[in-house]
Amino acid sequence: MMYCERCKILTDNTVCSCGAKNLREPNKNDAVYLTTKDQIFSSMLEDVLGQHGIPCLKQAKLGAAFVRTVGFGTRFEEYRFFVPFEMFDRANELLEELFTDADNVEPVEESKPLPVESKRKLKIWEVVLYIFGVIFIALGSPLIIIAISDSYLPFWTPGIIFTVIGTICAALPMLLRGKPKE
């Protein structure tokens, strides 16, 4: 097994799915990616790992600032779990015991990485959506300001529409982004 320092996964290949080529043998204290779980299941997993003395790093995928700004709360937040390499096998066993339902188990050895070309196309679409979002916000904001300052109501509706479309376009890539291990 080789270890990728960039995405912190274990792989049998000589090149990681993220494209990194400088893989190395894992050290016993290297943080290794275990799984990604939603808010409810992440609390369960964190508790079970703690009960078995397995330290873990729980990393939010979207981040608290984004979740609070958009107003979803933590319902749609997902958390990535990392454990020390020396405890990875035990943590993976606990993961499989805890989530025996086929819909919830994400065995590390069965993950299929996205091809590099697909990752590039995805990044291009993310950038295009973000640029459209900024343009729509830039078009909508002045219309709202004119409507408020001059009490000219015909600018109010298009201003709101442009701003909402812009916000959705700018936030969409973050909401639709694939799982980190892919």
N, C-alpha and C. Protein backbone atom coordinates (compact mmCIF):
# COMPACT_ATOMS: atom_id res chain seq x y z
N MET A 1 0.84 -1.19 0.00
CA MET A 1 0.00 0.00 0.00
C MET A 1 0.88 1.25 0.00
N MET A 2 0.50 2.17 -0.83
CA MET A 2 1.21 3.45 -0.90
C MET A 2 0.30 4.55 -0.36
N TYR A 3 0.91 5.64 0.11
CA TYR A 3 0.18 6.74 0.75
C TYR A 3 0.39 8.03 -0.04
N CYS A 4 -0.72 8.73 -0.30
CA CYS A 4 -0.66 10.01 -0.99
C CYS A 4 -0.75 11.12 0.07
N GLU A 5 0.25 11.96 0.14
CA GLU A 5 0.24 13.05 1.12
C GLU A 5 -0.76 14.13 0.75
N ARG A 6 -1.09 14.26 -0.53
CA ARG A 6 -2.01 15.32 -0.96
C ARG A 6 -3.45 15.03 -0.52
N CYS A 7 -3.98 13.85 -0.85
CA CYS A 7 -5.37 13.55 -0.51
C CYS A 7 -5.51 12.57 0.64
N LYS A 8 -4.38 12.07 1.16
CA LYS A 8 -4.34 11.25 2.36
C LYS A 8 -5.07 9.91 2.22
N ILE A 9 -5.00 9.31 1.04
CA ILE A 9 -5.61 7.99 0.85
C ILE A 9 -4.53 6.93 0.66
N LEU A 10 -4.92 5.69 0.87
CA LEU A 10 -4.05 4.55 0.60
C LEU A 10 -4.44 3.98 -0.76
N THR A 11 -3.44 3.60 -1.52
CA THR A 11 -3.71 3.06 -2.86
C THR A 11 -2.69 1.97 -3.19
N ASP A 12 -3.10 1.06 -4.06
CA ASP A 12 -2.19 0.02 -4.54
C ASP A 12 -1.47 0.45 -5.82
N ASN A 13 -1.88 1.58 -6.39
CA ASN A 13 -1.32 2.04 -7.65
C ASN A 13 -0.04 2.85 -7.41
N THR A 14 0.68 3.11 -8.50
CA THR A 14 1.88 3.93 -8.40
C THR A 14 1.57 5.42 -8.55
N VAL A 15 0.38 5.72 -9.08
CA VAL A 15 -0.09 7.10 -9.21
C VAL A 15 -1.44 7.20 -8.51
N CYS A 16 -1.61 8.24 -7.71
CA CYS A 16 -2.86 8.42 -6.96
C CYS A 16 -3.98 8.89 -7.90
N SER A 17 -5.22 8.70 -7.48
CA SER A 17 -6.36 9.14 -8.28
C SER A 17 -6.42 10.66 -8.41
N CYS A 18 -5.75 11.40 -7.50
CA CYS A 18 -5.73 12.86 -7.59
C CYS A 18 -4.66 13.33 -8.58
N GLY A 19 -3.83 12.41 -9.08
CA GLY A 19 -2.81 12.76 -10.05
C GLY A 19 -1.40 12.82 -9.46
N ALA A 20 -1.29 12.73 -8.15
CA ALA A 20 0.03 12.80 -7.49
C ALA A 20 0.84 11.55 -7.82
N LYS A 21 2.13 11.76 -8.09
CA LYS A 21 3.01 10.65 -8.44
C LYS A 21 4.02 10.34 -7.35
N ASN A 22 4.15 11.25 -6.39
CA ASN A 22 5.14 11.07 -5.34
C ASN A 22 4.52 10.37 -4.12
N LEU A 23 4.14 9.11 -4.32
CA LEU A 23 3.57 8.31 -3.25
C LEU A 23 4.68 7.68 -2.43
N ARG A 24 4.37 7.38 -1.19
CA ARG A 24 5.38 6.78 -0.31
C ARG A 24 4.73 5.74 0.58
N GLU A 25 5.55 4.99 1.29
CA GLU A 25 5.04 4.05 2.28
C GLU A 25 4.46 4.85 3.43
N PRO A 26 3.32 4.45 3.97
CA PRO A 26 2.72 5.21 5.07
C PRO A 26 3.48 5.02 6.38
N ASN A 27 3.58 6.10 7.16
CA ASN A 27 4.13 6.04 8.51
C ASN A 27 2.99 5.70 9.46
N LYS A 28 3.31 5.23 10.66
CA LYS A 28 2.25 4.79 11.57
C LYS A 28 1.34 5.92 12.03
N ASN A 29 1.82 7.17 12.04
CA ASN A 29 0.99 8.30 12.50
C ASN A 29 0.42 9.14 11.36
N ASP A 30 0.57 8.71 10.12
CA ASP A 30 -0.01 9.44 9.00
C ASP A 30 -1.53 9.44 9.09
N ALA A 31 -2.15 10.59 8.87
CA ALA A 31 -3.61 10.67 8.84
C ALA A 31 -4.09 10.08 7.52
N VAL A 32 -4.92 9.04 7.61
CA VAL A 32 -5.40 8.33 6.43
C VAL A 32 -6.91 8.54 6.31
N TYR A 33 -7.36 8.83 5.09
CA TYR A 33 -8.79 9.03 4.84
C TYR A 33 -9.54 7.73 5.10
N LEU A 34 -10.61 7.82 5.92
CA LEU A 34 -11.42 6.65 6.24
C LEU A 34 -12.73 6.65 5.47
N THR A 35 -13.51 7.72 5.58
CA THR A 35 -14.81 7.78 4.93
C THR A 35 -15.35 9.20 5.00
N THR A 36 -16.49 9.42 4.32
CA THR A 36 -17.24 10.67 4.41
C THR A 36 -18.66 10.32 4.83
N LYS A 37 -19.17 11.01 5.83
CA LYS A 37 -20.52 10.76 6.33
C LYS A 37 -21.25 12.08 6.52
N ASP A 38 -22.59 12.01 6.43
CA ASP A 38 -23.38 13.21 6.67
C ASP A 38 -23.41 13.53 8.16
N GLN A 39 -24.08 14.61 8.51
CA GLN A 39 -24.03 15.14 9.87
C GLN A 39 -24.47 14.13 10.92
N ILE A 40 -25.56 13.41 10.69
CA ILE A 40 -26.08 12.47 11.68
C ILE A 40 -25.13 11.28 11.85
N PHE A 41 -24.76 10.65 10.74
CA PHE A 41 -23.89 9.48 10.82
C PHE A 41 -22.48 9.83 11.28
N SER A 42 -22.04 11.06 11.00
CA SER A 42 -20.70 11.45 11.42
C SER A 42 -20.60 11.51 12.95
N SER A 43 -21.67 11.96 13.61
CA SER A 43 -21.66 11.99 15.08
C SER A 43 -21.58 10.58 15.64
N MET A 44 -22.31 9.65 15.04
CA MET A 44 -22.26 8.26 15.49
C MET A 44 -20.86 7.68 15.32
N LEU A 45 -20.28 7.88 14.15
CA LEU A 45 -18.96 7.33 13.87
C LEU A 45 -17.91 7.93 14.79
N GLU A 46 -17.96 9.23 15.00
CA GLU A 46 -17.00 9.90 15.88
C GLU A 46 -17.09 9.32 17.30
N ASP A 47 -18.30 9.08 17.78
CA ASP A 47 -18.50 8.53 19.11
C ASP A 47 -17.94 7.10 19.21
N VAL A 48 -18.23 6.28 18.21
CA VAL A 48 -17.76 4.89 18.23
C VAL A 48 -16.23 4.83 18.16
N LEU A 49 -15.63 5.64 17.31
CA LEU A 49 -14.17 5.66 17.24
C LEU A 49 -13.57 6.10 18.57
N GLY A 50 -14.17 7.10 19.20
CA GLY A 50 -13.69 7.58 20.50
C GLY A 50 -13.82 6.51 21.58
N GLN A 51 -14.91 5.76 21.57
CA GLN A 51 -15.12 4.69 22.55
C GLN A 51 -14.07 3.59 22.41
N HIS A 52 -13.56 3.38 21.21
CA HIS A 52 -12.55 2.34 20.98
C HIS A 52 -11.13 2.89 21.02
N GLY A 53 -10.99 4.14 21.43
CA GLY A 53 -9.65 4.73 21.59
C GLY A 53 -8.95 5.05 20.29
N ILE A 54 -9.71 5.25 19.24
CA ILE A 54 -9.12 5.58 17.93
C ILE A 54 -9.27 7.08 17.71
N PRO A 55 -8.16 7.81 17.72
CA PRO A 55 -8.27 9.25 17.47
C PRO A 55 -8.64 9.50 16.01
N CYS A 56 -9.45 10.53 15.79
CA CYS A 56 -9.85 10.83 14.42
C CYS A 56 -9.88 12.33 14.21
N LEU A 57 -9.68 12.71 12.98
CA LEU A 57 -9.83 14.10 12.57
C LEU A 57 -11.10 14.16 11.75
N LYS A 58 -12.03 15.02 12.16
CA LYS A 58 -13.33 15.17 11.48
C LYS A 58 -13.29 16.52 10.78
N GLN A 59 -13.31 16.50 9.44
CA GLN A 59 -13.16 17.72 8.65
C GLN A 59 -14.44 17.98 7.85
N ALA A 60 -15.02 19.19 8.03
CA ALA A 60 -16.24 19.56 7.32
C ALA A 60 -15.94 19.75 5.84
N LYS A 61 -16.83 19.26 5.00
CA LYS A 61 -16.65 19.35 3.55
C LYS A 61 -16.99 20.76 3.03
N LEU A 62 -18.16 21.29 3.40
CA LEU A 62 -18.56 22.62 2.94
C LEU A 62 -17.99 23.73 3.81
N GLY A 63 -17.94 23.52 5.09
CA GLY A 63 -17.45 24.53 6.01
C GLY A 63 -18.58 25.29 6.67
N ALA A 64 -18.37 25.67 7.91
CA ALA A 64 -19.41 26.31 8.71
C ALA A 64 -19.84 27.65 8.12
N ALA A 65 -18.89 28.43 7.62
CA ALA A 65 -19.24 29.76 7.09
C ALA A 65 -20.18 29.63 5.90
N PHE A 66 -19.92 28.69 5.00
CA PHE A 66 -20.79 28.51 3.84
C PHE A 66 -22.17 28.02 4.26
N VAL A 67 -22.21 27.06 5.16
CA VAL A 67 -23.48 26.48 5.60
C VAL A 67 -24.34 27.55 6.27
N ARG A 68 -23.73 28.39 7.10
CA ARG A 68 -24.50 29.45 7.78
C ARG A 68 -24.93 30.53 6.81
N THR A 69 -24.07 30.90 5.87
CA THR A 69 -24.38 31.96 4.92
C THR A 69 -25.54 31.57 4.02
N VAL A 70 -25.50 30.36 3.49
CA VAL A 70 -26.54 29.91 2.59
C VAL A 70 -27.83 29.62 3.36
N GLY A 71 -27.72 29.27 4.64
CA GLY A 71 -28.88 29.09 5.48
C GLY A 71 -29.42 27.68 5.53
N PHE A 72 -28.64 26.70 5.13
CA PHE A 72 -29.10 25.31 5.17
C PHE A 72 -28.97 24.72 6.57
N GLY A 73 -28.21 25.33 7.43
CA GLY A 73 -27.88 24.71 8.71
C GLY A 73 -26.90 23.59 8.44
N THR A 74 -26.79 22.65 9.36
CA THR A 74 -25.83 21.57 9.17
C THR A 74 -26.45 20.33 8.53
N ARG A 75 -27.70 20.42 8.10
CA ARG A 75 -28.37 19.24 7.51
C ARG A 75 -27.62 18.69 6.31
N PHE A 76 -27.07 19.54 5.47
CA PHE A 76 -26.44 19.09 4.24
C PHE A 76 -24.92 19.01 4.35
N GLU A 77 -24.41 19.24 5.53
CA GLU A 77 -22.96 19.18 5.73
C GLU A 77 -22.51 17.73 5.76
N GLU A 78 -21.36 17.47 5.17
CA GLU A 78 -20.73 16.16 5.22
C GLU A 78 -19.37 16.32 5.85
N TYR A 79 -18.92 15.27 6.52
CA TYR A 79 -17.65 15.31 7.23
C TYR A 79 -16.75 14.19 6.73
N ARG A 80 -15.48 14.54 6.53
CA ARG A 80 -14.46 13.58 6.13
C ARG A 80 -13.74 13.13 7.39
N PHE A 81 -13.49 11.83 7.50
CA PHE A 81 -12.81 11.27 8.67
C PHE A 81 -11.43 10.77 8.29
N PHE A 82 -10.46 11.10 9.13
CA PHE A 82 -9.08 10.65 8.97
C PHE A 82 -8.64 10.00 10.28
N VAL A 83 -7.94 8.88 10.17
CA VAL A 83 -7.44 8.17 11.36
C VAL A 83 -5.95 7.88 11.15
N PRO A 84 -5.19 7.64 12.24
CA PRO A 84 -3.78 7.26 12.08
C PRO A 84 -3.66 5.94 11.33
N PHE A 85 -2.62 5.82 10.51
CA PHE A 85 -2.44 4.62 9.69
C PHE A 85 -2.40 3.35 10.53
N GLU A 86 -1.75 3.41 11.70
CA GLU A 86 -1.62 2.21 12.53
C GLU A 86 -2.99 1.73 13.05
N MET A 87 -4.00 2.59 13.05
CA MET A 87 -5.33 2.21 13.52
C MET A 87 -6.36 2.15 12.40
N PHE A 88 -5.89 2.27 11.17
CA PHE A 88 -6.79 2.31 10.02
C PHE A 88 -7.60 1.02 9.86
N ASP A 89 -6.95 -0.14 9.96
CA ASP A 89 -7.64 -1.42 9.77
C ASP A 89 -8.74 -1.61 10.82
N ARG A 90 -8.43 -1.27 12.08
CA ARG A 90 -9.44 -1.40 13.14
C ARG A 90 -10.59 -0.42 12.90
N ALA A 91 -10.28 0.80 12.51
CA ALA A 91 -11.31 1.81 12.24
C ALA A 91 -12.19 1.37 11.08
N ASN A 92 -11.60 0.77 10.06
CA ASN A 92 -12.36 0.30 8.90
C ASN A 92 -13.28 -0.86 9.31
N GLU A 93 -12.83 -1.73 10.21
CA GLU A 93 -13.68 -2.81 10.72
C GLU A 93 -14.87 -2.24 11.48
N LEU A 94 -14.61 -1.25 12.34
CA LEU A 94 -15.69 -0.60 13.09
C LEU A 94 -16.67 0.08 12.15
N LEU A 95 -16.15 0.70 11.11
CA LEU A 95 -17.00 1.36 10.12
C LEU A 95 -17.94 0.36 9.46
N GLU A 96 -17.42 -0.79 9.08
CA GLU A 96 -18.24 -1.82 8.43
C GLU A 96 -19.25 -2.41 9.41
N GLU A 97 -18.86 -2.57 10.68
CA GLU A 97 -19.80 -3.08 11.68
C GLU A 97 -20.93 -2.08 11.94
N LEU A 98 -20.58 -0.82 12.02
CA LEU A 98 -21.55 0.22 12.35
C LEU A 98 -22.53 0.47 11.22
N PHE A 99 -22.04 0.46 10.00
CA PHE A 99 -22.88 0.74 8.84
C PHE A 99 -22.97 -0.50 7.97
N THR A 100 -23.77 -1.46 8.40
CA THR A 100 -23.89 -2.72 7.65
C THR A 100 -24.80 -2.59 6.45
N ASP A 101 -25.64 -1.56 6.41
CA ASP A 101 -26.53 -1.32 5.27
C ASP A 101 -25.66 -0.99 4.06
N ALA A 102 -25.93 -1.60 2.92
CA ALA A 102 -25.12 -1.41 1.72
C ALA A 102 -25.14 0.04 1.23
N ASP A 103 -26.20 0.80 1.55
CA ASP A 103 -26.26 2.18 1.10
C ASP A 103 -25.32 3.09 1.88
N ASN A 104 -24.94 2.70 3.09
CA ASN A 104 -24.13 3.57 3.93
C ASN A 104 -22.66 3.18 3.99
N VAL A 105 -22.31 1.94 3.63
CA VAL A 105 -20.92 1.51 3.71
C VAL A 105 -20.15 2.01 2.51
N GLU A 106 -19.01 2.57 2.79
CA GLU A 106 -18.13 3.05 1.72
C GLU A 106 -16.75 2.43 1.90
N PRO A 107 -16.57 1.17 1.51
CA PRO A 107 -15.27 0.55 1.68
C PRO A 107 -14.21 1.27 0.86
N VAL A 108 -13.08 1.48 1.46
CA VAL A 108 -12.02 2.26 0.83
C VAL A 108 -11.46 1.53 -0.39
N GLU A 109 -11.34 0.21 -0.31
CA GLU A 109 -10.71 -0.52 -1.40
C GLU A 109 -11.56 -0.58 -2.68
N GLU A 110 -12.86 -0.27 -2.60
CA GLU A 110 -13.72 -0.36 -3.77
C GLU A 110 -13.94 0.98 -4.47
N SER A 111 -13.31 2.03 -3.99
CA SER A 111 -13.56 3.35 -4.59
C SER A 111 -12.95 3.44 -5.98
N LYS A 112 -13.69 4.04 -6.90
CA LYS A 112 -13.24 4.22 -8.27
C LYS A 112 -12.92 5.70 -8.49
N PRO A 113 -11.68 6.03 -8.81
CA PRO A 113 -11.34 7.43 -9.01
C PRO A 113 -11.88 7.97 -10.34
N LEU A 114 -12.17 9.27 -10.34
CA LEU A 114 -12.55 9.92 -11.59
C LEU A 114 -11.34 10.02 -12.49
N PRO A 115 -11.49 9.85 -13.79
CA PRO A 115 -10.36 10.07 -14.69
C PRO A 115 -9.92 11.54 -14.63
N VAL A 116 -8.65 11.77 -14.89
CA VAL A 116 -8.10 13.12 -14.83
C VAL A 116 -8.84 14.06 -15.78
N GLU A 117 -9.20 13.57 -16.97
CA GLU A 117 -9.91 14.40 -17.96
C GLU A 117 -11.27 14.83 -17.42
N SER A 118 -11.98 13.94 -16.72
CA SER A 118 -13.27 14.30 -16.14
C SER A 118 -13.11 15.35 -15.06
N LYS A 119 -12.03 15.25 -14.29
CA LYS A 119 -11.77 16.25 -13.25
C LYS A 119 -11.54 17.63 -13.88
N ARG A 120 -10.81 17.66 -14.99
CA ARG A 120 -10.56 18.94 -15.67
C ARG A 120 -11.86 19.55 -16.18
N LYS A 121 -12.72 18.73 -16.80
CA LYS A 121 -14.00 19.23 -17.29
C LYS A 121 -14.86 19.75 -16.15
N LEU A 122 -14.86 19.04 -15.04
CA LEU A 122 -15.62 19.47 -13.87
C LEU A 122 -15.12 20.81 -13.36
N LYS A 123 -13.81 20.98 -13.30
CA LYS A 123 -13.23 22.26 -12.85
C LYS A 123 -13.61 23.39 -13.80
N ILE A 124 -13.58 23.12 -15.10
CA ILE A 124 -13.95 24.16 -16.08
C ILE A 124 -15.39 24.59 -15.86
N TRP A 125 -16.30 23.63 -15.66
CA TRP A 125 -17.70 23.97 -15.42
C TRP A 125 -17.87 24.74 -14.12
N GLU A 126 -17.09 24.39 -13.11
CA GLU A 126 -17.17 25.12 -11.84
C GLU A 126 -16.76 26.57 -12.03
N VAL A 127 -15.69 26.80 -12.78
CA VAL A 127 -15.23 28.16 -13.03
C VAL A 127 -16.25 28.94 -13.86
N VAL A 128 -16.81 28.31 -14.89
CA VAL A 128 -17.80 28.98 -15.73
C VAL A 128 -19.03 29.37 -14.91
N LEU A 129 -19.54 28.46 -14.10
CA LEU A 129 -20.70 28.77 -13.25
C LEU A 129 -20.38 29.90 -12.27
N TYR A 130 -19.19 29.88 -11.71
CA TYR A 130 -18.81 30.92 -10.76
C TYR A 130 -18.74 32.28 -11.46
N ILE A 131 -18.18 32.32 -12.66
CA ILE A 131 -18.08 33.59 -13.40
C ILE A 131 -19.48 34.11 -13.74
N PHE A 132 -20.37 33.22 -14.21
CA PHE A 132 -21.75 33.64 -14.46
C PHE A 132 -22.40 34.17 -13.19
N GLY A 133 -22.14 33.53 -12.07
CA GLY A 133 -22.69 33.98 -10.80
C GLY A 133 -22.24 35.38 -10.45
N VAL A 134 -20.96 35.64 -10.61
CA VAL A 134 -20.43 36.98 -10.30
C VAL A 134 -21.03 38.02 -11.25
N ILE A 135 -21.16 37.68 -12.52
CA ILE A 135 -21.74 38.62 -13.50
C ILE A 135 -23.19 38.94 -13.13
N PHE A 136 -23.99 37.92 -12.82
CA PHE A 136 -25.39 38.16 -12.46
C PHE A 136 -25.51 38.98 -11.19
N ILE A 137 -24.66 38.71 -10.21
CA ILE A 137 -24.69 39.51 -8.98
C ILE A 137 -24.29 40.95 -9.29
N ALA A 138 -23.29 41.13 -10.15
CA ALA A 138 -22.86 42.48 -10.53
C ALA A 138 -23.97 43.22 -11.28
N LEU A 139 -24.78 42.51 -12.06
CA LEU A 139 -25.89 43.15 -12.77
C LEU A 139 -27.07 43.44 -11.83
N GLY A 140 -27.33 42.55 -10.91
CA GLY A 140 -28.49 42.70 -10.04
C GLY A 140 -28.32 43.69 -8.91
N SER A 141 -27.14 43.75 -8.34
CA SER A 141 -26.92 44.63 -7.18
C SER A 141 -27.17 46.10 -7.48
N PRO A 142 -26.65 46.67 -8.59
CA PRO A 142 -26.94 48.08 -8.87
C PRO A 142 -28.43 48.35 -9.08
N LEU A 143 -29.15 47.40 -9.67
CA LEU A 143 -30.59 47.59 -9.88
C LEU A 143 -31.32 47.68 -8.54
N ILE A 144 -30.89 46.86 -7.59
CA ILE A 144 -31.51 46.93 -6.26
C ILE A 144 -31.17 48.26 -5.59
N ILE A 145 -29.93 48.70 -5.72
CA ILE A 145 -29.52 49.97 -5.11
C ILE A 145 -30.31 51.13 -5.72
N ILE A 146 -30.48 51.13 -7.04
CA ILE A 146 -31.26 52.19 -7.70
C ILE A 146 -32.71 52.14 -7.21
N ALA A 147 -33.27 50.94 -7.10
CA ALA A 147 -34.66 50.81 -6.66
C ALA A 147 -34.84 51.33 -5.23
N ILE A 148 -33.87 51.07 -4.37
CA ILE A 148 -33.97 51.51 -2.98
C ILE A 148 -33.73 53.01 -2.86
N SER A 149 -32.67 53.50 -3.49
CA SER A 149 -32.30 54.91 -3.31
C SER A 149 -33.26 55.87 -4.03
N ASP A 150 -33.73 55.51 -5.21
CA ASP A 150 -34.60 56.41 -5.98
C ASP A 150 -36.08 56.04 -5.88
N SER A 151 -36.38 55.01 -5.10
CA SER A 151 -37.75 54.51 -4.99
C SER A 151 -38.34 54.20 -6.36
N TYR A 152 -37.51 53.67 -7.24
CA TYR A 152 -37.95 53.33 -8.59
C TYR A 152 -38.20 51.83 -8.62
N LEU A 153 -39.40 51.41 -8.35
CA LEU A 153 -39.76 50.02 -8.15
C LEU A 153 -39.60 49.12 -9.37
N PRO A 154 -39.69 49.60 -10.62
CA PRO A 154 -39.51 48.66 -11.74
C PRO A 154 -38.14 47.98 -11.76
N PHE A 155 -37.12 48.55 -11.10
CA PHE A 155 -35.80 47.93 -11.05
C PHE A 155 -35.70 46.89 -9.94
N TRP A 156 -36.65 46.88 -9.02
CA TRP A 156 -36.58 46.01 -7.87
C TRP A 156 -36.62 44.53 -8.26
N THR A 157 -37.61 44.11 -9.06
CA THR A 157 -37.77 42.70 -9.41
C THR A 157 -36.61 42.16 -10.24
N PRO A 158 -36.18 42.86 -11.31
CA PRO A 158 -35.03 42.29 -12.05
C PRO A 158 -33.77 42.25 -11.19
N GLY A 159 -33.62 43.22 -10.31
CA GLY A 159 -32.45 43.22 -9.44
C GLY A 159 -32.42 42.00 -8.54
N ILE A 160 -33.57 41.69 -7.95
CA ILE A 160 -33.65 40.50 -7.09
C ILE A 160 -33.41 39.23 -7.91
N ILE A 161 -34.03 39.15 -9.09
CA ILE A 161 -33.89 37.96 -9.93
C ILE A 161 -32.42 37.75 -10.32
N PHE A 162 -31.73 38.80 -10.79
CA PHE A 162 -30.32 38.68 -11.17
C PHE A 162 -29.46 38.26 -9.97
N THR A 163 -29.72 38.83 -8.82
CA THR A 163 -28.91 38.53 -7.64
C THR A 163 -29.13 37.09 -7.18
N VAL A 164 -30.36 36.62 -7.20
CA VAL A 164 -30.64 35.25 -6.79
C VAL A 164 -30.01 34.25 -7.77
N ILE A 165 -30.16 34.50 -9.06
CA ILE A 165 -29.55 33.62 -10.07
C ILE A 165 -28.04 33.62 -9.90
N GLY A 166 -27.47 34.78 -9.67
CA GLY A 166 -26.02 34.87 -9.47
C GLY A 166 -25.55 34.10 -8.27
N THR A 167 -26.28 34.21 -7.18
CA THR A 167 -25.91 33.48 -5.95
C THR A 167 -25.99 31.98 -6.18
N ILE A 168 -27.03 31.53 -6.85
CA ILE A 168 -27.17 30.09 -7.12
C ILE A 168 -26.03 29.60 -8.02
N CYS A 169 -25.74 30.35 -9.07
CA CYS A 169 -24.65 29.94 -9.99
C CYS A 169 -23.30 29.90 -9.26
N ALA A 170 -23.06 30.86 -8.38
CA ALA A 170 -21.77 30.90 -7.67
C ALA A 170 -21.68 29.78 -6.63
N ALA A 171 -22.80 29.40 -6.02
CA ALA A 171 -22.78 28.38 -4.97
C ALA A 171 -22.92 26.96 -5.51
N LEU A 172 -23.48 26.80 -6.69
CA LEU A 172 -23.75 25.48 -7.25
C LEU A 172 -22.52 24.57 -7.34
N PRO A 173 -21.38 25.06 -7.80
CA PRO A 173 -20.22 24.15 -7.87
C PRO A 173 -19.84 23.57 -6.51
N MET A 174 -19.97 24.36 -5.45
CA MET A 174 -19.64 23.86 -4.12
C MET A 174 -20.64 22.82 -3.65
N LEU A 175 -21.90 22.99 -4.00
CA LEU A 175 -22.94 22.04 -3.59
C LEU A 175 -22.87 20.73 -4.36
N LEU A 176 -22.47 20.80 -5.63
CA LEU A 176 -22.48 19.61 -6.49
C LEU A 176 -21.14 18.91 -6.59
N ARG A 177 -20.14 19.43 -5.92
CA ARG A 177 -18.80 18.86 -6.02
C ARG A 177 -18.81 17.40 -5.57
N GLY A 178 -18.06 16.56 -6.26
CA GLY A 178 -18.03 15.14 -5.94
C GLY A 178 -17.35 14.87 -4.62
N LYS A 179 -17.34 13.61 -4.23
CA LYS A 179 -16.72 13.21 -2.98
C LYS A 179 -15.21 13.44 -3.06
N PRO A 180 -14.56 13.82 -1.95
CA PRO A 180 -13.14 14.13 -1.96
C PRO A 180 -12.24 12.97 -2.37
N LYS A 181 -12.64 11.73 -2.06
CA LYS A 181 -11.75 10.61 -2.38
C LYS A 181 -11.73 10.30 -3.86
N GLU A 182 -12.65 10.82 -4.61
CA GLU A 182 -12.70 10.51 -6.04
C GLU A 182 -11.80 11.48 -6.72
